[in-house]
Amino acid sequence: MSDENKTPVSDTTPPEAGQPQPPALDDMSPEEREAAQAANDNDALVQAQADLAALQARNAELSEQYLRAQADIQNTRRRSEEEMSRARKFAVESFAEAMLPVVDSLEAGLGHKDQNPEQIREGAEATLRQLKSALERNKVVEINPAPGTKFDPHQHQAISVAPLPPGSTQDPNTVVSVLQKGYLIAERVLRPALVTVSAAK
């Protein structure tokens, strides 16, 4: 058989049977084109409305999450403030409770009218030990530098400068004597120690 008698093969796939194909726009009348355009516009409007509804739902969800987060922040802040208030209150109560034995000792000592000076001194020393112990339990610690300690401006306050005597081995800018002890509370300076400092040679 010659090639001339062969039926040429079409490049397009024939439409499936039973499925009508929409006419091309060029084959439509103006009324049909207008109707098709209106249908397309309607489909676009429906899609836009669906997208808008989804965005509104998402916005409402995010707004609710934001409000819940704000409420959680407010609740956390309120709980923190209440805990800090309780901590301050109980800290004062703890310190006051530690002071009560000291008060008891002072009142007991003053209640004895016939004590001699030695007994008074012993009672005062015992009461001072109680007081220092109570302070230490509440993290109040002495600053009492020994002579020769290097001057620390963070914990010491120099009241005067003393020249070193001839032949002294003490370094300059060190503590010569303590005029008044200082105190730390929880490692923070409550009161610096008042000291005399050695002068430069």
Protein backbone atom coordinates (compact mmCIF):
# COMPACT_ATOMS: atom_id res chain seq x y z
CA MET A 1 0.00 0.00 0.00
CA SER A 2 1.32 3.42 -0.93
CA ASP A 3 1.77 6.28 1.57
CA GLU A 4 -0.75 8.37 -0.35
CA ASN A 5 -3.64 6.07 0.66
CA LYS A 6 -2.81 6.26 4.41
CA THR A 7 -5.18 8.31 6.60
CA PRO A 8 -3.28 11.16 8.26
CA VAL A 9 -3.12 10.98 12.05
CA SER A 10 -4.61 14.01 13.89
CA ASP A 11 -2.48 15.74 16.57
CA THR A 12 -5.55 16.52 18.70
CA THR A 13 -7.27 14.02 20.94
CA PRO A 14 -10.98 13.68 20.07
CA PRO A 15 -13.39 14.64 22.80
CA GLU A 16 -14.73 11.81 24.88
CA ALA A 17 -18.17 10.62 23.96
CA GLY A 18 -21.02 12.05 25.99
CA GLN A 19 -19.01 15.10 27.26
CA PRO A 20 -20.12 18.26 25.47
CA GLN A 21 -17.31 20.74 24.98
CA PRO A 22 -17.90 24.44 25.72
CA PRO A 23 -17.98 26.52 22.57
CA ALA A 24 -15.02 28.80 21.93
CA LEU A 25 -15.52 32.47 22.70
CA ASP A 26 -15.21 33.28 19.03
CA ASP A 27 -18.13 30.97 18.30
CA MET A 28 -20.37 32.63 20.96
CA SER A 29 -22.87 35.34 20.37
CA PRO A 30 -22.41 38.61 22.31
CA GLU A 31 -25.16 37.52 24.72
CA GLU A 32 -23.45 34.18 25.33
CA ARG A 33 -20.07 35.85 25.85
CA GLU A 34 -21.65 38.25 28.35
CA ALA A 35 -23.29 35.36 30.18
CA ALA A 36 -19.98 33.43 30.27
CA GLN A 37 -18.17 36.49 31.58
CA ALA A 38 -20.85 36.98 34.24
CA ALA A 39 -20.48 33.34 35.27
CA ASN A 40 -16.71 33.74 35.53
CA ASP A 41 -17.14 36.91 37.56
CA ASN A 42 -19.61 35.14 39.82
CA ASP A 43 -17.18 32.26 40.35
CA ALA A 44 -14.41 34.75 41.19
CA LEU A 45 -16.73 36.55 43.62
CA VAL A 46 -17.66 33.29 45.33
CA GLN A 47 -13.97 32.38 45.65
CA ALA A 48 -13.11 35.85 46.99
CA GLN A 49 -15.92 35.59 49.55
CA ALA A 50 -14.67 32.16 50.61
CA ASP A 51 -11.13 33.51 50.96
CA LEU A 52 -12.42 36.49 52.95
CA ALA A 53 -14.38 34.21 55.27
CA ALA A 54 -11.28 32.07 55.83
CA LEU A 55 -9.18 35.17 56.58
CA GLN A 56 -11.82 36.49 58.97
CA ALA A 57 -11.92 33.15 60.78
CA ARG A 58 -8.11 33.14 61.02
CA ASN A 59 -8.14 36.72 62.29
CA ALA A 60 -10.70 35.83 64.94
CA GLU A 61 -8.56 32.85 65.99
CA LEU A 62 -5.42 34.98 66.23
CA SER A 63 -7.30 37.68 68.16
CA GLU A 64 -8.51 35.07 70.64
CA GLN A 65 -4.98 33.71 71.03
CA TYR A 66 -3.67 37.25 71.61
CA LEU A 67 -6.31 37.93 74.26
CA ARG A 68 -5.49 34.65 76.00
CA ALA A 69 -1.78 35.48 75.92
CA GLN A 70 -2.45 38.94 77.37
CA ALA A 71 -4.58 37.38 80.12
CA ASP A 72 -1.79 34.89 80.89
CA ILE A 73 0.75 37.72 81.09
CA GLN A 74 -1.48 39.70 83.47
CA ASN A 75 -2.05 36.62 85.64
CA THR A 76 1.68 35.86 85.73
CA ARG A 77 2.49 39.47 86.67
CA ARG A 78 -0.13 39.45 89.42
CA ARG A 79 1.13 36.14 90.82
CA SER A 80 4.72 37.43 90.75
CA GLU A 81 3.73 40.60 92.61
CA GLU A 82 1.81 38.56 95.20
CA GLU A 83 4.78 36.20 95.66
CA MET A 84 7.17 39.14 96.07
CA SER A 85 4.83 40.73 98.60
CA ARG A 86 4.62 37.48 100.56
CA ALA A 87 8.41 37.04 100.38
CA ARG A 88 8.98 40.54 101.80
CA LYS A 89 6.37 39.98 104.49
CA PHE A 90 7.77 36.63 105.55
CA ALA A 91 11.35 37.94 105.45
CA VAL A 92 10.41 40.67 107.94
CA GLU A 93 8.58 38.13 110.07
CA SER A 94 11.60 35.82 110.05
CA PHE A 95 13.93 38.63 111.08
CA ALA A 96 11.55 39.78 113.82
CA GLU A 97 11.27 36.23 115.11
CA ALA A 98 15.08 35.98 115.29
CA MET A 99 15.18 39.21 117.34
CA LEU A 100 12.69 38.02 119.96
CA PRO A 101 15.22 35.95 122.00
CA VAL A 102 17.48 39.01 122.11
CA VAL A 103 14.62 41.09 123.50
CA ASP A 104 13.88 38.35 126.04
CA SER A 105 17.50 38.30 127.21
CA LEU A 106 17.64 42.09 127.59
CA GLU A 107 14.40 42.16 129.56
CA ALA A 108 15.56 39.29 131.77
CA GLY A 109 18.87 41.05 132.44
CA LEU A 110 17.13 44.32 133.32
CA GLY A 111 14.78 42.42 135.64
CA HIS A 112 17.62 41.48 137.98
CA LYS A 113 18.26 44.50 140.16
CA ASP A 114 20.99 43.06 142.37
CA GLN A 115 23.54 42.03 139.75
CA ASN A 116 27.17 42.93 140.14
CA PRO A 117 29.20 44.43 137.25
CA GLU A 118 30.65 41.05 136.31
CA GLN A 119 27.19 39.47 135.99
CA ILE A 120 25.95 42.44 133.97
CA ARG A 121 28.91 42.07 131.63
CA GLU A 122 28.37 38.32 131.21
CA GLY A 123 24.68 38.91 130.45
CA ALA A 124 25.50 41.62 127.92
CA GLU A 125 28.06 39.37 126.19
CA ALA A 126 25.55 36.51 126.01
CA THR A 127 22.93 38.85 124.56
CA LEU A 128 25.43 40.20 122.01
CA ARG A 129 26.21 36.63 120.91
CA GLN A 130 22.49 36.02 120.47
CA LEU A 131 22.14 39.19 118.44
CA LYS A 132 25.09 38.36 116.16
CA SER A 133 23.77 34.85 115.62
CA ALA A 134 20.33 36.22 114.71
CA LEU A 135 21.91 38.66 112.26
CA GLU A 136 24.00 35.95 110.63
CA ARG A 137 20.93 33.72 110.20
CA ASN A 138 19.39 36.59 108.28
CA LYS A 139 22.55 37.01 106.14
CA VAL A 140 23.76 40.15 107.92
CA VAL A 141 27.55 39.76 108.16
CA GLU A 142 30.21 42.00 109.72
CA ILE A 143 32.79 43.93 107.71
CA ASN A 144 35.68 44.10 110.15
CA PRO A 145 38.98 44.25 108.22
CA ALA A 146 42.13 43.33 110.09
CA PRO A 147 45.05 45.81 110.18
CA GLY A 148 47.09 45.52 107.00
CA THR A 149 44.06 44.57 104.87
CA LYS A 150 44.10 46.35 101.52
CA PHE A 151 41.63 49.24 101.43
CA ASP A 152 38.49 48.28 99.49
CA PRO A 153 36.37 51.32 98.53
CA HIS A 154 33.40 49.00 97.92
CA GLN A 155 33.31 47.90 101.57
CA HIS A 156 35.41 50.48 103.44
CA GLN A 157 35.10 54.20 103.97
CA ALA A 158 38.33 56.03 104.80
CA ILE A 159 37.85 58.56 107.59
CA SER A 160 41.48 59.56 107.92
CA VAL A 161 44.96 58.80 106.63
CA ALA A 162 47.70 57.84 109.08
CA PRO A 163 51.42 58.10 108.22
CA LEU A 164 53.32 54.88 108.74
CA PRO A 165 56.00 55.00 111.46
CA PRO A 166 59.63 54.61 110.37
CA GLY A 167 60.57 50.98 109.82
CA SER A 168 56.95 49.83 109.40
CA THR A 169 56.48 46.89 107.06
CA GLN A 170 52.83 47.69 106.42
CA ASP A 171 51.96 48.54 102.82
CA PRO A 172 50.49 51.93 101.97
CA ASN A 173 46.76 52.23 101.30
CA THR A 174 45.93 49.48 103.78
CA VAL A 175 43.71 49.51 106.87
CA VAL A 176 45.40 50.76 110.04
CA SER A 177 42.40 50.58 112.37
CA VAL A 178 38.62 50.17 112.26
CA LEU A 179 36.63 52.98 113.83
CA GLN A 180 33.24 51.40 113.16
CA LYS A 181 32.38 47.96 111.74
CA GLY A 182 30.47 47.70 108.50
CA TYR A 183 27.82 45.15 107.55
CA LEU A 184 26.78 43.18 104.49
CA ILE A 185 23.27 41.89 103.89
CA ALA A 186 23.02 39.09 101.33
CA GLU A 187 26.47 40.15 100.00
CA ARG A 188 25.33 43.75 99.50
CA VAL A 189 26.90 46.53 101.56
CA LEU A 190 24.44 47.66 104.20
CA ARG A 191 26.98 49.97 105.82
CA PRO A 192 30.68 50.36 104.96
CA ALA A 193 33.31 49.97 107.64
CA LEU A 194 34.81 53.30 108.80
CA VAL A 195 38.58 52.89 108.73
CA THR A 196 41.87 54.72 109.02
CA VAL A 197 44.14 54.08 106.02
CA SER A 198 47.93 54.11 105.85
CA ALA A 199 49.49 56.90 103.82
CA ALA A 200 51.85 56.38 100.95
CA LYS A 201 55.53 56.24 101.94
